[in-house]
C-alpha atoms as a PDB file:
ATOM      1  CA  MET A   1      27.185   5.041 -11.246  1.00  0.00           C
ATOM      2  CA  GLU A   2      24.561   2.436  -9.884  1.00  0.00           C
ATOM      3  CA  LEU A   3      22.744   3.204  -6.360  1.00  0.00           C
ATOM      4  CA  GLN A   4      25.290   1.664  -3.602  1.00  0.00           C
ATOM      5  CA  PRO A   5      22.853   0.991  -0.915  1.00  0.00           C
ATOM      6  CA  ASP A   6      25.499  -0.130   1.502  1.00  0.00           C
ATOM      7  CA  THR A   7      27.571   2.990   0.958  1.00  0.00           C
ATOM      8  CA  LEU A   8      24.605   4.949   0.934  1.00  0.00           C
ATOM      9  CA  LEU A   9      23.197   3.137   4.154  1.00  0.00           C
ATOM     10  CA  SER A  10      26.845   3.873   6.112  1.00  0.00           C
ATOM     11  CA  LEU A  11      26.130   7.444   6.172  1.00  0.00           C
ATOM     12  CA  LEU A  12      23.166   7.260   8.340  1.00  0.00           C
ATOM     13  CA  ASP A  13      25.800   5.464  11.026  1.00  0.00           C
ATOM     14  CA  VAL A  14      23.181   3.310  11.985  1.00  0.00           C
ATOM     15  CA  GLN A  15      23.933   1.547  15.788  1.00  0.00           C
ATOM     16  CA  GLU A  16      22.829  -1.702  16.980  1.00  0.00           C
ATOM     17  CA  GLY A  17      19.587  -0.557  19.036  1.00  0.00           C
ATOM     18  CA  MET A  18      18.290   2.421  17.239  1.00  0.00           C
ATOM     19  CA  ALA A  19      14.796   2.676  15.918  1.00  0.00           C
ATOM     20  CA  VAL A  20      14.830   3.274  11.924  1.00  0.00           C
ATOM     21  CA  ALA A  21      12.062   3.871   9.537  1.00  0.00           C
ATOM     22  CA  ASP A  22      12.236   3.653   5.614  1.00  0.00           C
ATOM     23  CA  ILE A  23       9.653   5.824   4.074  1.00  0.00           C
ATOM     24  CA  GLY A  24       8.131   4.667   0.893  1.00  0.00           C
ATOM     25  CA  ALA A  25       9.713   1.131   1.792  1.00  0.00           C
ATOM     26  CA  GLY A  26       8.233  -0.665  -1.334  1.00  0.00           C
ATOM     27  CA  PRO A  27       9.545  -4.258  -1.569  1.00  0.00           C
ATOM     28  CA  GLY A  28      12.408  -3.589   1.205  1.00  0.00           C
ATOM     29  CA  PHE A  29      15.732  -2.285  -0.886  1.00  0.00           C
ATOM     30  CA  PHE A  30      16.846  -0.644   2.028  1.00  0.00           C
ATOM     31  CA  THR A  31      14.231  -2.048   4.703  1.00  0.00           C
ATOM     32  CA  LEU A  32      16.092  -5.504   4.877  1.00  0.00           C
ATOM     33  CA  ARG A  33      19.539  -4.126   5.114  1.00  0.00           C
ATOM     34  CA  LEU A  34      18.425  -1.779   7.740  1.00  0.00           C
ATOM     35  CA  ALA A  35      16.914  -4.808   9.612  1.00  0.00           C
ATOM     36  CA  GLN A  36      20.551  -6.301   9.347  1.00  0.00           C
ATOM     37  CA  GLY A  37      22.173  -3.331  10.745  1.00  0.00           C
ATOM     38  CA  THR A  38      19.993  -2.713  14.302  1.00  0.00           C
ATOM     39  CA  LYS A  39      18.496  -4.570  16.668  1.00  0.00           C
ATOM     40  CA  GLY A  40      15.953  -1.849  17.555  1.00  0.00           C
ATOM     41  CA  PRO A  41      12.623  -1.503  15.511  1.00  0.00           C
ATOM     42  CA  VAL A  42      12.579  -0.902  12.042  1.00  0.00           C
ATOM     43  CA  TYR A  43       9.267   0.514  10.692  1.00  0.00           C
ATOM     44  CA  ALA A  44       8.729  -0.409   6.861  1.00  0.00           C
ATOM     45  CA  ILE A  45       6.269   2.294   5.801  1.00  0.00           C
ATOM     46  CA  ASP A  46       4.759   2.593   2.272  1.00  0.00           C
ATOM     47  CA  ALA A  47       1.377   3.607   1.075  1.00  0.00           C
ATOM     48  CA  GLU A  48       0.624   0.558  -1.563  1.00  0.00           C
ATOM     49  CA  GLU A  49      -0.057  -2.579   0.771  1.00  0.00           C
ATOM     50  CA  ALA A  50       1.056  -4.752  -2.127  1.00  0.00           C
ATOM     51  CA  MET A  51       4.588  -3.395  -2.204  1.00  0.00           C
ATOM     52  CA  LEU A  52       4.444  -4.321   1.656  1.00  0.00           C
ATOM     53  CA  ALA A  53       3.168  -7.752   1.115  1.00  0.00           C
ATOM     54  CA  ILE A  54       6.189  -8.389  -1.134  1.00  0.00           C
ATOM     55  CA  LEU A  55       8.640  -6.876   1.634  1.00  0.00           C
ATOM     56  CA  ARG A  56       7.473  -9.284   4.406  1.00  0.00           C
ATOM     57  CA  LYS A  57       8.031 -12.169   2.002  1.00  0.00           C
ATOM     58  CA  ARG A  58      11.077 -11.203   1.390  1.00  0.00           C
ATOM     59  CA  ALA A  59      12.031 -10.566   5.359  1.00  0.00           C
ATOM     60  CA  ALA A  60      10.695 -13.958   6.008  1.00  0.00           C
ATOM     61  CA  GLU A  61      12.836 -15.366   3.668  1.00  0.00           C
ATOM     62  CA  ARG A  62      15.763 -14.050   5.227  1.00  0.00           C
ATOM     63  CA  GLY A  63      14.481 -14.603   8.922  1.00  0.00           C
ATOM     64  CA  LEU A  64      14.005 -10.932   9.464  1.00  0.00           C
ATOM     65  CA  LEU A  65      10.217 -10.504   9.663  1.00  0.00           C
ATOM     66  CA  GLU A  66      10.050 -10.591  13.249  1.00  0.00           C
ATOM     67  CA  ARG A  67      12.433  -7.321  13.420  1.00  0.00           C
ATOM     68  CA  ILE A  68      10.350  -5.419  10.812  1.00  0.00           C
ATOM     69  CA  ARG A  69       6.916  -3.708  11.383  1.00  0.00           C
ATOM     70  CA  THR A  70       5.227  -2.946   8.201  1.00  0.00           C
ATOM     71  CA  LEU A  71       2.942   0.169   8.507  1.00  0.00           C
ATOM     72  CA  THR A  72       0.420   0.976   5.418  1.00  0.00           C
ATOM     73  CA  ALA A  73       0.586   5.036   5.326  1.00  0.00           C
ATOM     74  CA  ASP A  74       1.422   7.999   3.196  1.00  0.00           C
ATOM     75  CA  ALA A  75       4.305  10.180   3.953  1.00  0.00           C
ATOM     76  CA  THR A  76       2.250  12.837   5.031  1.00  0.00           C
ATOM     77  CA  ALA A  77       0.637  11.054   7.748  1.00  0.00           C
ATOM     78  CA  LEU A  78       3.162   8.676   9.195  1.00  0.00           C
ATOM     79  CA  PRO A  79       1.547   6.541  12.183  1.00  0.00           C
ATOM     80  CA  LEU A  80       4.696   6.669  14.630  1.00  0.00           C
ATOM     81  CA  PRO A  81       4.987   8.963  17.906  1.00  0.00           C
ATOM     82  CA  ASP A  82       6.765  11.874  18.317  1.00  0.00           C
ATOM     83  CA  GLY A  83      10.710  11.309  18.186  1.00  0.00           C
ATOM     84  CA  ALA A  84      10.064   7.263  17.517  1.00  0.00           C
ATOM     85  CA  VAL A  85      12.941   6.941  15.173  1.00  0.00           C
ATOM     86  CA  GLU A  86      16.699   7.919  15.281  1.00  0.00           C
ATOM     87  CA  ARG A  87      17.168   7.145  12.115  1.00  0.00           C
ATOM     88  CA  ALA A  88      15.009   7.425   8.884  1.00  0.00           C
ATOM     89  CA  VAL A  89      15.786   6.702   4.964  1.00  0.00           C
ATOM     90  CA  ALA A  90      13.299   8.249   2.141  1.00  0.00           C
ATOM     91  CA  SER A  91      14.430   6.956  -1.034  1.00  0.00           C
ATOM     92  CA  PHE A  92      12.954   8.039  -4.237  1.00  0.00           C
ATOM     93  CA  VAL A  93       9.642   9.313  -2.513  1.00  0.00           C
ATOM     94  CA  LEU A  94       9.176  12.411  -1.600  1.00  0.00           C
ATOM     95  CA  HIS A  95       9.096  13.372  -5.567  1.00  0.00           C
ATOM     96  CA  GLU A  96       5.804  11.435  -5.328  1.00  0.00           C
ATOM     97  CA  VAL A  97       4.353  12.997  -2.572  1.00  0.00           C
ATOM     98  CA  GLY A  98       1.575  15.489  -3.199  1.00  0.00           C
ATOM     99  CA  ASN A  99       2.096  17.818  -0.006  1.00  0.00           C
ATOM    100  CA  LEU A 100       6.047  18.002   0.437  1.00  0.00           C
ATOM    101  CA  GLY A 101       5.425  20.549   3.139  1.00  0.00           C
ATOM    102  CA  GLN A 102       3.338  18.415   5.216  1.00  0.00           C
ATOM    103  CA  ALA A 103       5.715  15.239   4.342  1.00  0.00           C
ATOM    104  CA  ILE A 104       8.960  16.964   5.778  1.00  0.00           C
ATOM    105  CA  ALA A 105       6.915  18.107   8.861  1.00  0.00           C
ATOM    106  CA  GLU A 106       5.959  14.491   9.420  1.00  0.00           C
ATOM    107  CA  LEU A 107       9.641  13.581   8.975  1.00  0.00           C
ATOM    108  CA  HIS A 108      10.359  16.327  11.680  1.00  0.00           C
ATOM    109  CA  ARG A 109       7.900  15.097  13.921  1.00  0.00           C
ATOM    110  CA  VAL A 110       9.153  11.652  14.222  1.00  0.00           C
ATOM    111  CA  LEU A 111      12.599  11.840  13.990  1.00  0.00           C
ATOM    112  CA  ALA A 112      14.041  12.085  17.123  1.00  0.00           C
ATOM    113  CA  PRO A 113      16.351  15.388  18.124  1.00  0.00           C
ATOM    114  CA  GLY A 114      19.802  14.521  16.879  1.00  0.00           C
ATOM    115  CA  GLY A 115      18.591  11.961  14.230  1.00  0.00           C
ATOM    116  CA  LYS A 116      19.210  11.619  10.999  1.00  0.00           C
ATOM    117  CA  LEU A 117      17.668  11.103   7.410  1.00  0.00           C
ATOM    118  CA  LEU A 118      18.644  10.053   4.018  1.00  0.00           C
ATOM    119  CA  VAL A 119      17.146  11.049   1.069  1.00  0.00           C
ATOM    120  CA  VAL A 120      17.762   9.765  -2.297  1.00  0.00           C
ATOM    121  CA  ASP A 121      15.827  10.950  -5.238  1.00  0.00           C
ATOM    122  CA  TRP A 122      15.694  11.824  -8.902  1.00  0.00           C
ATOM    123  CA  GLU A 123      17.640  15.170  -9.745  1.00  0.00           C
ATOM    124  CA  LYS A 124      15.593  17.564 -11.803  1.00  0.00           C
ATOM    125  CA  LYS A 125      17.653  16.882 -15.073  1.00  0.00           C
ATOM    126  CA  PRO A 126      16.860  14.960 -18.235  1.00  0.00           C
ATOM    127  CA  SER A 127      17.707  11.312 -17.713  1.00  0.00           C
ATOM    128  CA  PRO A 128      17.146   8.123 -19.892  1.00  0.00           C
ATOM    129  CA  LYS A 129      15.559   6.362 -16.719  1.00  0.00           C
ATOM    130  CA  GLY A 130      13.383   7.787 -14.154  1.00  0.00           C
ATOM    131  CA  PRO A 131       9.936   9.742 -13.784  1.00  0.00           C
ATOM    132  CA  PRO A 132       9.397  12.559 -16.247  1.00  0.00           C
ATOM    133  CA  LEU A 133      11.351  15.699 -15.755  1.00  0.00           C
ATOM    134  CA  HIS A 134       8.178  17.888 -14.312  1.00  0.00           C
ATOM    135  CA  HIS A 135       7.634  15.105 -11.750  1.00  0.00           C
ATOM    136  CA  ARG A 136      11.112  15.261 -10.094  1.00  0.00           C
ATOM    137  CA  LEU A 137      12.116  17.209  -7.124  1.00  0.00           C
ATOM    138  CA  GLY A 138      15.500  18.697  -7.692  1.00  0.00           C
ATOM    139  CA  SER A 139      18.050  18.654  -4.741  1.00  0.00           C
ATOM    140  CA  GLN A 140      18.087  22.442  -4.509  1.00  0.00           C
ATOM    141  CA  GLU A 141      14.014  22.644  -3.979  1.00  0.00           C
ATOM    142  CA  LEU A 142      14.452  19.748  -1.232  1.00  0.00           C
ATOM    143  CA  GLN A 143      17.193  21.416   0.121  1.00  0.00           C
ATOM    144  CA  GLU A 144      15.448  24.825   0.629  1.00  0.00           C
ATOM    145  CA  ALA A 145      12.264  23.211   1.955  1.00  0.00           C
ATOM    146  CA  LEU A 146      13.921  21.140   4.731  1.00  0.00           C
ATOM    147  CA  SER A 147      15.925  24.080   5.899  1.00  0.00           C
ATOM    148  CA  GLN A 148      12.851  25.782   5.987  1.00  0.00           C
ATOM    149  CA  LYS A 149      11.453  23.196   8.582  1.00  0.00           C
ATOM    150  CA  GLY A 150      14.423  23.343  10.567  1.00  0.00           C
ATOM    151  CA  PHE A 151      16.329  20.648   8.968  1.00  0.00           C
ATOM    152  CA  LEU A 152      19.779  20.746   8.325  1.00  0.00           C
ATOM    153  CA  PRO A 153      20.534  19.277   5.016  1.00  0.00           C
ATOM    154  CA  GLN A 154      23.666  18.483   3.038  1.00  0.00           C
ATOM    155  CA  ALA A 155      23.090  17.303  -0.878  1.00  0.00           C
ATOM    156  CA  SER A 156      25.787  15.519  -2.896  1.00  0.00           C
ATOM    157  CA  PRO A 157      25.191  13.790  -6.206  1.00  0.00           C
ATOM    158  CA  HIS A 158      25.109  10.121  -6.434  1.00  0.00           C
ATOM    159  CA  GLY A 159      25.528   8.636  -9.609  1.00  0.00           C
ATOM    160  CA  ASP A 160      24.564  10.338 -12.881  1.00  0.00           C
ATOM    161  CA  TYR A 161      20.690  10.993 -12.386  1.00  0.00           C
ATOM    162  CA  TYR A 162      20.092  11.252  -8.522  1.00  0.00           C
ATOM    163  CA  TYR A 163      21.261  12.607  -5.522  1.00  0.00           C
ATOM    164  CA  LYS A 164      21.401  11.769  -1.825  1.00  0.00           C
ATOM    165  CA  MET A 165      20.817  14.290   0.957  1.00  0.00           C
ATOM    166  CA  LEU A 166      22.012  13.523   4.292  1.00  0.00           C
ATOM    167  CA  VAL A 167      19.377  15.638   6.762  1.00  0.00           C
ATOM    168  CA  THR A 168      20.150  16.497  10.506  1.00  0.00           C
ATOM    169  CA  ARG A 169      17.250  17.205  12.903  1.00  0.00           C
ATOM    170  CA  PRO A 170      18.510  19.423  15.563  1.00  0.00           C
END
């Protein structure tokens, strides 16, 4: 099974006026869909300005540019105020973070109480695609790290090689 973005995003139950962040937004795979689902601000955050430039071009082509705020930043230092978003996505990015504990603390800080985070990442098992096994962040390891920071995570497989995790901030 391949990645099913609309099915995944439906887990977040994004409402019309909610503020949403896409952490590690890349060229906008999830960002563009999020911008279509809310009239609230959509923050596209990525450490690579080149990725955000592609995202802005794609958003402009779809008439969504004015609804998306692009921010160049690392997941360990999110340029948002405390409790700024009700929903967030971190897709195939947390395995890239140098300091996972700091990134999780930042996600906890910017996510409003009762907010939800959707994580999609590579499971720590051999596969013909994706990063090397030693570079992956397994669902069990992430679930434990999130729980230690006060999140309520629920993981499940999504496809043969990756998992999805719906995380609630109490």
